[in-house]
């Protein structure tokens, strides 16, 4: 941390009226003068860098990644210490193709154990990033991702047991975009019009470093929203359609997304890829670890329009997510999102029903009254079968439940009908609301072996809301 409290302040007032004097405002003073800790829309949206292969073969792309410390320019005038893939936050995006293997050699240069989980990926058990399969400090591991699944917005992150809440908060997360021929045939927005957005809430110390305070009950809640590592940024857009790939990278904060006063957004994909058809959304619940692909048509707005994507559930610095500033270019586009995007695959009938009670007991978050124990196996589904799993939330906290290595369909919510944005596609993470029951149909293919399932409110998973499953052949 190179900046002390007496160094350049968080916000500098620019000279006006010919004055050459610059007044410095401290972080504490800034907080006293404003409703939110930092002013939104002062910085352009950072574009996340993409990772290039170091080698290509006829069947695979090979990547080298350093898990290392770094410095990020999150706040103007400050360098925020982070942990990052390649030392950046968020980490570099990997773009892969269905049917072409990705080999990712992760080199852990940190002073503690790490590992990498490809969240949402169909991955053999030995390469899934099980919380107990760690890369020691100074060690390396070569992850093999077959990419034998449909196009989807995935992400990779640290999953070493007991410290995930801290390592993800300090930067160990990145997008993994899987593409296929179907998406290419649909001619969805690509290139600069296909924009990953990583949303996360943070707090800051006076020197610009991330402030983290563990809260096992509520989970961490920051007072400032970052998108791609910038405080509530702005983005200039042409008058055409854009695809936005959103990841809720927060430790435990859920959002309700709204564009302006309820402007139309078109959801085309979720965790597991394209929906069977696009769904109009005007407000979208968005829980930790979920992904959401939205198409926004900026031709509906005049040049000069400013559209704010905001969090309906936020307050002060957690309301404004980002702003779109509509320019003049791009008005001749004639592309339309297809009414049908993909067929709905048939699934075998469920062979078992399981119920998972989510609650707090004996000082820890638990599933069915149990803490995580890597020596115990909690479910043994058969390979290639489906099962109905019901998550019953007996608490007043949201629990985003995630199953490693497999996808599921959402069948039922006790709180009301399942929204088409969840019902018409595959999921790997589902937000279970306070005192709600949610039933999903999980499909245990294509791989067998040992995996975990857990709450993705990270403080809950660390303490110790996670169980193991072993898919049997």
Foldseek 3Di string as FASTA:
>chain_A
DPFDLPDAALDKDDDPPPDPDIDGAFQVRCVVVALASDDAAPAAFDAAAAFAAPDDDPAEGEGEWEFAWAWDPATPPATAIFGATNNDAQHHEYEAEAQGKYKYKYFYQDQAKWAKAWALAQAAPVQRQFQCDIAGHRGIDIHIGRNNAAWFKIKMFIRNFQCRLPRLLRHGMYIYTYHYVLVVVLVDDDDPQEGEKEKEAFAADRRGYTDDDADLPAFDHHRFMDISSYTQHEYEDEQAKGKYKYAHSYLWDKFKKAKAPQDWKWWQAKGRGGFQFIDIGGIDIGTHGIITIIMDRNNVDDQQDKIFIFTPPDGRNRTTRYIYHYHHPDNVDDRDRDGGRDDDDDADDAPEEEEWEWDDDPHATETPPDFEDPVDADAEAAAQHKHKYKYFYAAQGKFWKFWGNWWKAWDDKPVDDDDSNRHRHIDGIDIAHHRMMTIIIIGRDDYWAKTKMATSSNSRVSRPGMHMYTHHD
